[in-house]
């Protein structure tokens, strides 16, 4: 193999190895979960959720903040939900949430 071909192959392999998936706002994955606690006044909701692929996070129970304008007062412990979440300023923020079956 020529030197140029070796460099080209190495650069291509490096690009594949270091590629990071980019998810646009409209492409956030929907995550299933179960509500464990709701604190509407503080905009916080605790959800036992499945893995969150865009955050490389395994399933667990955790407290999330909600984006301004999202009314979580309709949710109660035990509700099944589908939601999208993203990291904003180092915090996990629910962008959309709705009851599911």
PDB file of N, CA and C in Angstrom:
ATOM      1  N   UNK A   1       0.837  -1.187   0.000  1.00  0.00           N
ATOM      2  CA  UNK A   1       0.000   0.000   0.000  1.00  0.00           C
ATOM      3  C   UNK A   1       0.879   1.247   0.000  1.00  0.00           C
ATOM      4  N   UNK A   2       0.414   2.233  -0.681  1.00  0.00           N
ATOM      5  CA  UNK A   2       1.179   3.462  -0.734  1.00  0.00           C
ATOM      6  C   UNK A   2       0.944   4.287   0.529  1.00  0.00           C
ATOM      7  N   UNK A   3       1.850   5.209   0.772  1.00  0.00           N
ATOM      8  CA  UNK A   3       1.754   6.083   1.935  1.00  0.00           C
ATOM      9  C   UNK A   3       0.441   6.867   1.926  1.00  0.00           C
ATOM     10  N   UNK A   4       0.063   7.400   0.766  1.00  0.00           N
ATOM     11  CA  UNK A   4      -1.178   8.182   0.650  1.00  0.00           C
ATOM     12  C   UNK A   4      -2.397   7.326   0.953  1.00  0.00           C
ATOM     13  N   UNK A   5      -2.409   6.105   0.465  1.00  0.00           N
ATOM     14  CA  UNK A   5      -3.539   5.215   0.708  1.00  0.00           C
ATOM     15  C   UNK A   5      -3.619   4.859   2.197  1.00  0.00           C
ATOM     16  N   UNK A   6      -2.466   4.649   2.839  1.00  0.00           N
ATOM     17  CA  UNK A   6      -2.443   4.363   4.280  1.00  0.00           C
ATOM     18  C   UNK A   6      -3.012   5.530   5.083  1.00  0.00           C
ATOM     19  N   UNK A   7      -2.621   6.736   4.743  1.00  0.00           N
ATOM     20  CA  UNK A   7      -3.113   7.932   5.445  1.00  0.00           C
ATOM     21  C   UNK A   7      -4.614   8.076   5.246  1.00  0.00           C
ATOM     22  N   UNK A   8      -5.067   7.912   4.011  1.00  0.00           N
ATOM     23  CA  UNK A   8      -6.502   8.034   3.708  1.00  0.00           C
ATOM     24  C   UNK A   8      -7.305   6.994   4.479  1.00  0.00           C
ATOM     25  N   UNK A   9      -6.833   5.761   4.499  1.00  0.00           N
ATOM     26  CA  UNK A   9      -7.521   4.694   5.229  1.00  0.00           C
ATOM     27  C   UNK A   9      -7.553   4.992   6.718  1.00  0.00           C
ATOM     28  N   UNK A  10      -6.441   5.469   7.263  1.00  0.00           N
ATOM     29  CA  UNK A  10      -6.369   5.803   8.691  1.00  0.00           C
ATOM     30  C   UNK A  10      -7.307   6.948   9.046  1.00  0.00           C
ATOM     31  N   UNK A  11      -7.347   7.961   8.218  1.00  0.00           N
ATOM     32  CA  UNK A  11      -8.237   9.095   8.477  1.00  0.00           C
ATOM     33  C   UNK A  11      -9.697   8.667   8.424  1.00  0.00           C
ATOM     34  N   UNK A  12     -10.055   7.833   7.454  1.00  0.00           N
ATOM     35  CA  UNK A  12     -11.420   7.341   7.338  1.00  0.00           C
ATOM     36  C   UNK A  12     -11.792   6.506   8.562  1.00  0.00           C
ATOM     37  N   UNK A  13     -10.906   5.618   8.981  1.00  0.00           N
ATOM     38  CA  UNK A  13     -11.160   4.784  10.155  1.00  0.00           C
ATOM     39  C   UNK A  13     -11.306   5.645  11.411  1.00  0.00           C
ATOM     40  N   UNK A  14     -10.484   6.674  11.541  1.00  0.00           N
ATOM     41  CA  UNK A  14     -10.578   7.577  12.688  1.00  0.00           C
ATOM     42  C   UNK A  14     -11.901   8.328  12.690  1.00  0.00           C
ATOM     43  N   UNK A  15     -12.331   8.754  11.523  1.00  0.00           N
ATOM     44  CA  UNK A  15     -13.603   9.475  11.428  1.00  0.00           C
ATOM     45  C   UNK A  15     -14.755   8.583  11.861  1.00  0.00           C
ATOM     46  N   UNK A  16     -14.721   7.307  11.481  1.00  0.00           N
ATOM     47  CA  UNK A  16     -15.767   6.383  11.905  1.00  0.00           C
ATOM     48  C   UNK A  16     -15.740   6.168  13.406  1.00  0.00           C
ATOM     49  N   UNK A  17     -14.557   6.048  13.964  1.00  0.00           N
ATOM     50  CA  UNK A  17     -14.409   5.773  15.400  1.00  0.00           C
ATOM     51  C   UNK A  17     -14.854   6.959  16.244  1.00  0.00           C
ATOM     52  N   UNK A  18     -14.551   8.162  15.804  1.00  0.00           N
ATOM     53  CA  UNK A  18     -14.834   9.345  16.603  1.00  0.00           C
ATOM     54  C   UNK A  18     -16.124  10.062  16.216  1.00  0.00           C
ATOM     55  N   UNK A  19     -16.938   9.461  15.379  1.00  0.00           N
ATOM     56  CA  UNK A  19     -18.206  10.070  14.994  1.00  0.00           C
ATOM     57  C   UNK A  19     -19.154  10.064  16.181  1.00  0.00           C
ATOM     58  N   UNK A  20     -19.738  11.206  16.472  1.00  0.00           N
ATOM     59  CA  UNK A  20     -20.694  11.341  17.566  1.00  0.00           C
ATOM     60  C   UNK A  20     -22.054  11.625  16.954  1.00  0.00           C
ATOM     61  N   UNK A  21     -23.073  10.832  17.318  1.00  0.00           N
ATOM     62  CA  UNK A  21     -24.390  11.093  16.736  1.00  0.00           C
ATOM     63  C   UNK A  21     -24.925  12.442  17.191  1.00  0.00           C
ATOM     64  N   UNK A  22     -25.505  13.164  16.269  1.00  0.00           N
ATOM     65  CA  UNK A  22     -26.113  14.450  16.575  1.00  0.00           C
ATOM     66  C   UNK A  22     -27.617  14.290  16.415  1.00  0.00           C
ATOM     67  N   UNK A  23     -28.344  14.703  17.443  1.00  0.00           N
ATOM     68  CA  UNK A  23     -29.797  14.577  17.414  1.00  0.00           C
ATOM     69  C   UNK A  23     -30.390  15.978  17.425  1.00  0.00           C
ATOM     70  N   UNK A  24     -31.110  16.312  16.380  1.00  0.00           N
ATOM     71  CA  UNK A  24     -31.759  17.617  16.308  1.00  0.00           C
ATOM     72  C   UNK A  24     -32.932  17.639  17.287  1.00  0.00           C
ATOM     73  N   UNK A  25     -33.342  18.839  17.705  1.00  0.00           N
ATOM     74  CA  UNK A  25     -34.430  18.983  18.673  1.00  0.00           C
ATOM     75  C   UNK A  25     -35.652  18.166  18.301  1.00  0.00           C
ATOM     76  N   UNK A  26     -36.025  18.171  17.039  1.00  0.00           N
ATOM     77  CA  UNK A  26     -37.218  17.450  16.604  1.00  0.00           C
ATOM     78  C   UNK A  26     -37.035  15.945  16.561  1.00  0.00           C
ATOM     79  N   UNK A  27     -35.802  15.486  16.748  1.00  0.00           N
ATOM     80  CA  UNK A  27     -35.515  14.064  16.651  1.00  0.00           C
ATOM     81  C   UNK A  27     -35.220  13.411  18.001  1.00  0.00           C
ATOM     82  N   UNK A  28     -35.592  14.046  19.096  1.00  0.00           N
ATOM     83  CA  UNK A  28     -35.336  13.457  20.406  1.00  0.00           C
ATOM     84  C   UNK A  28     -36.136  12.166  20.543  1.00  0.00           C
ATOM     85  N   UNK A  29     -35.515  11.113  21.083  1.00  0.00           N
ATOM     86  CA  UNK A  29     -36.241   9.852  21.233  1.00  0.00           C
ATOM     87  C   UNK A  29     -37.312   9.945  22.310  1.00  0.00           C
ATOM     88  N   UNK A  30     -38.430   9.270  22.084  1.00  0.00           N
ATOM     89  CA  UNK A  30     -39.487   9.200  23.085  1.00  0.00           C
ATOM     90  C   UNK A  30     -39.136   8.076  24.052  1.00  0.00           C
ATOM     91  N   UNK A  31     -39.199   8.381  25.334  1.00  0.00           N
ATOM     92  CA  UNK A  31     -38.803   7.442  26.376  1.00  0.00           C
ATOM     93  C   UNK A  31     -40.028   7.093  27.223  1.00  0.00           C
ATOM     94  N   UNK A  32     -40.203   5.802  27.493  1.00  0.00           N
ATOM     95  CA  UNK A  32     -41.316   5.356  28.328  1.00  0.00           C
ATOM     96  C   UNK A  32     -40.906   5.405  29.790  1.00  0.00           C
ATOM     97  N   UNK A  33     -41.886   5.724  30.630  1.00  0.00           N
ATOM     98  CA  UNK A  33     -41.602   5.759  32.057  1.00  0.00           C
ATOM     99  C   UNK A  33     -42.866   5.692  32.885  1.00  0.00           C
ATOM    100  N   UNK A  34     -42.666   5.641  34.191  1.00  0.00           N
ATOM    101  CA  UNK A  34     -43.770   5.631  35.151  1.00  0.00           C
ATOM    102  C   UNK A  34     -43.521   6.720  36.181  1.00  0.00           C
ATOM    103  N   UNK A  35     -44.532   7.545  36.393  1.00  0.00           N
ATOM    104  CA  UNK A  35     -44.418   8.648  37.349  1.00  0.00           C
ATOM    105  C   UNK A  35     -44.352   8.092  38.768  1.00  0.00           C
ATOM    106  N   UNK A  36     -43.391   8.583  39.525  1.00  0.00           N
ATOM    107  CA  UNK A  36     -43.226   8.176  40.919  1.00  0.00           C
ATOM    108  C   UNK A  36     -43.604   9.300  41.886  1.00  0.00           C
ATOM    109  N   UNK A  37     -43.427  10.561  41.446  1.00  0.00           N
ATOM    110  CA  UNK A  37     -43.745  11.707  42.300  1.00  0.00           C
ATOM    111  C   UNK A  37     -43.866  12.950  41.426  1.00  0.00           C
ATOM    112  N   UNK A  38     -44.776  13.842  41.806  1.00  0.00           N
ATOM    113  CA  UNK A  38     -44.982  15.090  41.060  1.00  0.00           C
ATOM    114  C   UNK A  38     -44.950  16.259  42.033  1.00  0.00           C
ATOM    115  N   UNK A  39     -44.193  17.299  41.664  1.00  0.00           N
ATOM    116  CA  UNK A  39     -44.136  18.538  42.447  1.00  0.00           C
ATOM    117  C   UNK A  39     -44.395  19.703  41.485  1.00  0.00           C
ATOM    118  N   UNK A  40     -45.694  19.926  41.168  1.00  0.00           N
ATOM    119  CA  UNK A  40     -46.023  20.946  40.156  1.00  0.00           C
ATOM    120  C   UNK A  40     -45.482  22.336  40.477  1.00  0.00           C
ATOM    121  N   UNK A  41     -45.494  22.725  41.737  1.00  0.00           N
ATOM    122  CA  UNK A  41     -45.044  24.069  42.100  1.00  0.00           C
ATOM    123  C   UNK A  41     -43.586  24.324  41.768  1.00  0.00           C
ATOM    124  N   UNK A  42     -42.780  23.269  41.800  1.00  0.00           N
ATOM    125  CA  UNK A  42     -41.350  23.429  41.511  1.00  0.00           C
ATOM    126  C   UNK A  42     -40.995  22.998  40.089  1.00  0.00           C
ATOM    127  N   UNK A  43     -41.982  22.468  39.353  1.00  0.00           N
ATOM    128  CA  UNK A  43     -41.710  22.018  37.994  1.00  0.00           C
ATOM    129  C   UNK A  43     -40.861  20.760  37.939  1.00  0.00           C
ATOM    130  N   UNK A  44     -40.930  19.939  38.991  1.00  0.00           N
ATOM    131  CA  UNK A  44     -40.133  18.716  39.044  1.00  0.00           C
ATOM    132  C   UNK A  44     -41.036  17.485  39.080  1.00  0.00           C
ATOM    133  N   UNK A  45     -40.575  16.440  38.404  1.00  0.00           N
ATOM    134  CA  UNK A  45     -41.315  15.186  38.359  1.00  0.00           C
ATOM    135  C   UNK A  45     -40.307  14.034  38.429  1.00  0.00           C
ATOM    136  N   UNK A  46     -40.613  13.045  39.264  1.00  0.00           N
ATOM    137  CA  UNK A  46     -39.755  11.866  39.385  1.00  0.00           C
ATOM    138  C   UNK A  46     -40.342  10.769  38.516  1.00  0.00           C
ATOM    139  N   UNK A  47     -39.505  10.207  37.660  1.00  0.00           N
ATOM    140  CA  UNK A  47     -39.948   9.180  36.717  1.00  0.00           C
ATOM    141  C   UNK A  47     -38.980   8.005  36.754  1.00  0.00           C
ATOM    142  N   UNK A  48     -39.552   6.803  36.823  1.00  0.00           N
ATOM    143  CA  UNK A  48     -38.771   5.585  36.606  1.00  0.00           C
ATOM    144  C   UNK A  48     -38.821   5.346  35.108  1.00  0.00           C
ATOM    145  N   UNK A  49     -37.678   5.487  34.434  1.00  0.00           N
ATOM    146  CA  UNK A  49     -37.673   5.504  32.970  1.00  0.00           C
ATOM    147  C   UNK A  49     -36.793   4.413  32.373  1.00  0.00           C
ATOM    148  N   UNK A  50     -37.060   4.146  31.098  1.00  0.00           N
ATOM    149  CA  UNK A  50     -36.211   3.266  30.300  1.00  0.00           C
ATOM    150  C   UNK A  50     -34.930   4.018  29.950  1.00  0.00           C
ATOM    151  N   UNK A  51     -34.045   3.367  29.239  1.00  0.00           N
ATOM    152  CA  UNK A  51     -32.808   4.019  28.798  1.00  0.00           C
ATOM    153  C   UNK A  51     -33.123   5.254  27.955  1.00  0.00           C
ATOM    154  N   UNK A  52     -32.289   6.283  28.107  1.00  0.00           N
ATOM    155  CA  UNK A  52     -32.432   7.515  27.324  1.00  0.00           C
ATOM    156  C   UNK A  52     -31.245   7.567  26.367  1.00  0.00           C
ATOM    157  N   UNK A  53     -31.451   7.139  25.110  1.00  0.00           N
ATOM    158  CA  UNK A  53     -30.321   6.991  24.190  1.00  0.00           C
ATOM    159  C   UNK A  53     -29.573   8.281  23.862  1.00  0.00           C
ATOM    160  N   UNK A  54     -30.269   9.404  23.734  1.00  0.00           N
ATOM    161  CA  UNK A  54     -29.573  10.642  23.374  1.00  0.00           C
ATOM    162  C   UNK A  54     -28.690  11.160  24.499  1.00  0.00           C
ATOM    163  N   UNK A  55     -28.895  10.678  25.724  1.00  0.00           N
ATOM    164  CA  UNK A  55     -28.061  11.083  26.859  1.00  0.00           C
ATOM    165  C   UNK A  55     -27.159   9.942  27.322  1.00  0.00           C
ATOM    166  N   UNK A  56     -27.211   8.818  26.597  1.00  0.00           N
ATOM    167  CA  UNK A  56     -26.418   7.636  26.943  1.00  0.00           C
ATOM    168  C   UNK A  56     -26.630   7.267  28.418  1.00  0.00           C
ATOM    169  N   UNK A  57     -27.903   7.241  28.812  1.00  0.00           N
ATOM    170  CA  UNK A  57     -28.269   6.999  30.206  1.00  0.00           C
ATOM    171  C   UNK A  57     -29.085   5.716  30.320  1.00  0.00           C
ATOM    172  N   UNK A  58     -28.698   4.835  31.240  1.00  0.00           N
ATOM    173  CA  UNK A  58     -29.484   3.607  31.434  1.00  0.00           C
ATOM    174  C   UNK A  58     -30.807   3.908  32.126  1.00  0.00           C
ATOM    175  N   UNK A  59     -31.696   2.926  32.134  1.00  0.00           N
ATOM    176  CA  UNK A  59     -32.956   3.087  32.842  1.00  0.00           C
ATOM    177  C   UNK A  59     -32.716   3.238  34.338  1.00  0.00           C
ATOM    178  N   UNK A  60     -33.513   4.075  34.975  1.00  0.00           N
ATOM    179  CA  UNK A  60     -33.409   4.323  36.413  1.00  0.00           C
ATOM    180  C   UNK A  60     -34.558   5.217  36.844  1.00  0.00           C
ATOM    181  N   UNK A  61     -34.629   5.522  38.120  1.00  0.00           N
ATOM    182  CA  UNK A  61     -35.580   6.520  38.628  1.00  0.00           C
ATOM    183  C   UNK A  61     -34.801   7.787  38.925  1.00  0.00           C
ATOM    184  N   UNK A  62     -35.339   8.912  38.487  1.00  0.00           N
ATOM    185  CA  UNK A  62     -34.668  10.181  38.770  1.00  0.00           C
ATOM    186  C   UNK A  62     -35.645  11.348  38.676  1.00  0.00           C
ATOM    187  N   UNK A  63     -35.224  12.451  39.254  1.00  0.00           N
ATOM    188  CA  UNK A  63     -36.010  13.685  39.234  1.00  0.00           C
ATOM    189  C   UNK A  63     -35.613  14.488  37.996  1.00  0.00           C
ATOM    190  N   UNK A  64     -36.621  14.950  37.269  1.00  0.00           N
ATOM    191  CA  UNK A  64     -36.399  15.800  36.103  1.00  0.00           C
ATOM    192  C   UNK A  64     -37.028  17.160  36.333  1.00  0.00           C
ATOM    193  N   UNK A  65     -36.429  18.179  35.773  1.00  0.00           N
ATOM    194  CA  UNK A  65     -37.063  19.489  35.669  1.00  0.00           C
ATOM    195  C   UNK A  65     -37.867  19.467  34.373  1.00  0.00           C
ATOM    196  N   UNK A  66     -38.846  20.348  34.291  1.00  0.00           N
ATOM    197  CA  UNK A  66     -39.621  20.455  33.054  1.00  0.00           C
ATOM    198  C   UNK A  66     -39.366  21.806  32.410  1.00  0.00           C
ATOM    199  N   UNK A  67     -39.435  21.818  31.095  1.00  0.00           N
ATOM    200  CA  UNK A  67     -39.259  23.061  30.353  1.00  0.00           C
ATOM    201  C   UNK A  67     -40.386  24.017  30.720  1.00  0.00           C
ATOM    202  N   UNK A  68     -40.090  25.297  30.745  1.00  0.00           N
ATOM    203  CA  UNK A  68     -41.120  26.297  31.050  1.00  0.00           C
ATOM    204  C   UNK A  68     -42.339  26.084  30.166  1.00  0.00           C
ATOM    205  N   UNK A  69     -43.520  26.198  30.766  1.00  0.00           N
ATOM    206  CA  UNK A  69     -44.761  26.065  30.016  1.00  0.00           C
ATOM    207  C   UNK A  69     -45.365  24.674  30.048  1.00  0.00           C
ATOM    208  N   UNK A  70     -44.648  23.690  30.567  1.00  0.00           N
ATOM    209  CA  UNK A  70     -45.203  22.339  30.649  1.00  0.00           C
ATOM    210  C   UNK A  70     -45.942  22.186  31.970  1.00  0.00           C
ATOM    211  N   UNK A  71     -47.228  21.836  31.882  1.00  0.00           N
ATOM    212  CA  UNK A  71     -48.072  21.656  33.067  1.00  0.00           C
ATOM    213  C   UNK A  71     -48.026  20.189  33.486  1.00  0.00           C
ATOM    214  N   UNK A  72     -47.405  19.925  34.644  1.00  0.00           N
ATOM    215  CA  UNK A  72     -47.307  18.540  35.114  1.00  0.00           C
ATOM    216  C   UNK A  72     -48.341  18.234  36.202  1.00  0.00           C
ATOM    217  N   UNK A  73     -49.219  19.183  36.485  1.00  0.00           N
ATOM    218  CA  UNK A  73     -50.215  18.971  37.536  1.00  0.00           C
ATOM    219  C   UNK A  73     -51.216  17.865  37.180  1.00  0.00           C
ATOM    220  N   UNK A  74     -51.328  17.534  35.904  1.00  0.00           N
ATOM    221  CA  UNK A  74     -52.257  16.492  35.466  1.00  0.00           C
ATOM    222  C   UNK A  74     -51.735  15.078  35.738  1.00  0.00           C
ATOM    223  N   UNK A  75     -50.445  14.948  36.059  1.00  0.00           N
ATOM    224  CA  UNK A  75     -49.858  13.632  36.275  1.00  0.00           C
ATOM    225  C   UNK A  75     -49.900  13.256  37.749  1.00  0.00           C
ATOM    226  N   UNK A  76     -50.006  11.936  38.001  1.00  0.00           N
ATOM    227  CA  UNK A  76     -50.003  11.444  39.381  1.00  0.00           C
ATOM    228  C   UNK A  76     -49.168  10.170  39.446  1.00  0.00           C
ATOM    229  N   UNK A  77     -48.816   9.782  40.654  1.00  0.00           N
ATOM    230  CA  UNK A  77     -48.027   8.579  40.864  1.00  0.00           C
ATOM    231  C   UNK A  77     -48.696   7.390  40.178  1.00  0.00           C
ATOM    232  N   UNK A  78     -47.894   6.614  39.441  1.00  0.00           N
ATOM    233  CA  UNK A  78     -48.397   5.439  38.745  1.00  0.00           C
ATOM    234  C   UNK A  78     -48.747   5.664  37.287  1.00  0.00           C
ATOM    235  N   UNK A  79     -48.892   6.929  36.867  1.00  0.00           N
ATOM    236  CA  UNK A  79     -49.195   7.200  35.460  1.00  0.00           C
ATOM    237  C   UNK A  79     -48.059   6.710  34.566  1.00  0.00           C
ATOM    238  N   UNK A  80     -48.428   6.071  33.465  1.00  0.00           N
ATOM    239  CA  UNK A  80     -47.460   5.697  32.432  1.00  0.00           C
ATOM    240  C   UNK A  80     -47.327   6.886  31.498  1.00  0.00           C
ATOM    241  N   UNK A  81     -46.087   7.231  31.148  1.00  0.00           N
ATOM    242  CA  UNK A  81     -45.849   8.406  30.314  1.00  0.00           C
ATOM    243  C   UNK A  81     -44.839   8.093  29.213  1.00  0.00           C
ATOM    244  N   UNK A  82     -44.887   8.925  28.186  1.00  0.00           N
ATOM    245  CA  UNK A  82     -43.867   8.976  27.143  1.00  0.00           C
ATOM    246  C   UNK A  82     -43.349  10.405  27.178  1.00  0.00           C
ATOM    247  N   UNK A  83     -42.026  10.552  27.160  1.00  0.00           N
ATOM    248  CA  UNK A  83     -41.466  11.895  27.246  1.00  0.00           C
ATOM    249  C   UNK A  83     -40.182  12.003  26.449  1.00  0.00           C
ATOM    250  N   UNK A  84     -39.793  13.243  26.164  1.00  0.00           N
ATOM    251  CA  UNK A  84     -38.496  13.524  25.556  1.00  0.00           C
ATOM    252  C   UNK A  84     -37.729  14.389  26.536  1.00  0.00           C
ATOM    253  N   UNK A  85     -36.442  14.185  26.564  1.00  0.00           N
ATOM    254  CA  UNK A  85     -35.606  14.920  27.517  1.00  0.00           C
ATOM    255  C   UNK A  85     -34.279  15.270  26.857  1.00  0.00           C
ATOM    256  N   UNK A  86     -33.743  16.416  27.244  1.00  0.00           N
ATOM    257  CA  UNK A  86     -32.426  16.814  26.759  1.00  0.00           C
ATOM    258  C   UNK A  86     -31.668  17.491  27.884  1.00  0.00           C
ATOM    259  N   UNK A  87     -30.378  17.610  27.710  1.00  0.00           N
ATOM    260  CA  UNK A  87     -29.544  18.263  28.712  1.00  0.00           C
ATOM    261  C   UNK A  87     -29.450  19.747  28.381  1.00  0.00           C
ATOM    262  N   UNK A  88     -29.768  20.577  29.375  1.00  0.00           N
ATOM    263  CA  UNK A  88     -29.677  22.032  29.231  1.00  0.00           C
ATOM    264  C   UNK A  88     -28.965  22.577  30.452  1.00  0.00           C
ATOM    265  N   UNK A  89     -27.849  23.228  30.239  1.00  0.00           N
ATOM    266  CA  UNK A  89     -27.071  23.814  31.326  1.00  0.00           C
ATOM    267  C   UNK A  89     -26.751  22.788  32.413  1.00  0.00           C
ATOM    268  N   UNK A  90     -26.434  21.562  31.995  1.00  0.00           N
ATOM    269  CA  UNK A  90     -26.041  20.521  32.929  1.00  0.00           C
ATOM    270  C   UNK A  90     -27.183  19.830  33.653  1.00  0.00           C
ATOM    271  N   UNK A  91     -28.423  20.155  33.299  1.00  0.00           N
ATOM    272  CA  UNK A  91     -29.587  19.542  33.946  1.00  0.00           C
ATOM    273  C   UNK A  91     -30.410  18.794  32.908  1.00  0.00           C
ATOM    274  N   UNK A  92     -31.044  17.701  33.342  1.00  0.00           N
ATOM    275  CA  UNK A  92     -31.922  16.947  32.468  1.00  0.00           C
ATOM    276  C   UNK A  92     -33.296  17.619  32.479  1.00  0.00           C
ATOM    277  N   UNK A  93     -33.742  18.072  31.323  1.00  0.00           N
ATOM    278  CA  UNK A  93     -34.996  18.834  31.227  1.00  0.00           C
ATOM    279  C   UNK A  93     -35.960  18.116  30.286  1.00  0.00           C
ATOM    280  N   UNK A  94     -37.171  17.866  30.797  1.00  0.00           N
ATOM    281  CA  UNK A  94     -38.213  17.271  29.966  1.00  0.00           C
ATOM    282  C   UNK A  94     -38.739  18.328  29.010  1.00  0.00           C
ATOM    283  N   UNK A  95     -38.734  17.989  27.725  1.00  0.00           N
ATOM    284  CA  UNK A  95     -39.168  18.910  26.673  1.00  0.00           C
ATOM    285  C   UNK A  95     -40.623  18.646  26.328  1.00  0.00           C
ATOM    286  N   UNK A  96     -41.020  17.357  26.287  1.00  0.00           N
ATOM    287  CA  UNK A  96     -42.415  16.979  26.052  1.00  0.00           C
ATOM    288  C   UNK A  96     -42.742  15.806  26.977  1.00  0.00           C
ATOM    289  N   UNK A  97     -44.004  15.728  27.374  1.00  0.00           N
ATOM    290  CA  UNK A  97     -44.466  14.602  28.193  1.00  0.00           C
ATOM    291  C   UNK A  97     -45.954  14.432  27.971  1.00  0.00           C
ATOM    292  N   UNK A  98     -46.376  13.170  27.870  1.00  0.00           N
ATOM    293  CA  UNK A  98     -47.808  12.871  27.726  1.00  0.00           C
ATOM    294  C   UNK A  98     -48.092  11.506  28.335  1.00  0.00           C
ATOM    295  N   UNK A  99     -49.336  11.316  28.750  1.00  0.00           N
ATOM    296  CA  UNK A  99     -49.748  10.019  29.302  1.00  0.00           C
ATOM    297  C   UNK A  99     -49.752   8.999  28.170  1.00  0.00           C
ATOM    298  N   UNK A 100     -49.446   7.758  28.533  1.00  0.00           N
ATOM    299  CA  UNK A 100     -49.490   6.675  27.567  1.00  0.00           C
ATOM    300  C   UNK A 100     -50.275   5.515  28.167  1.00  0.00           C
ATOM    301  N   UNK A 101     -50.538   4.536  27.373  1.00  0.00           N
ATOM    302  CA  UNK A 101     -51.315   3.370  27.814  1.00  0.00           C
ATOM    303  C   UNK A 101     -50.394   2.297  28.320  1.00  0.00           C
TER     304      UNK A 101
END
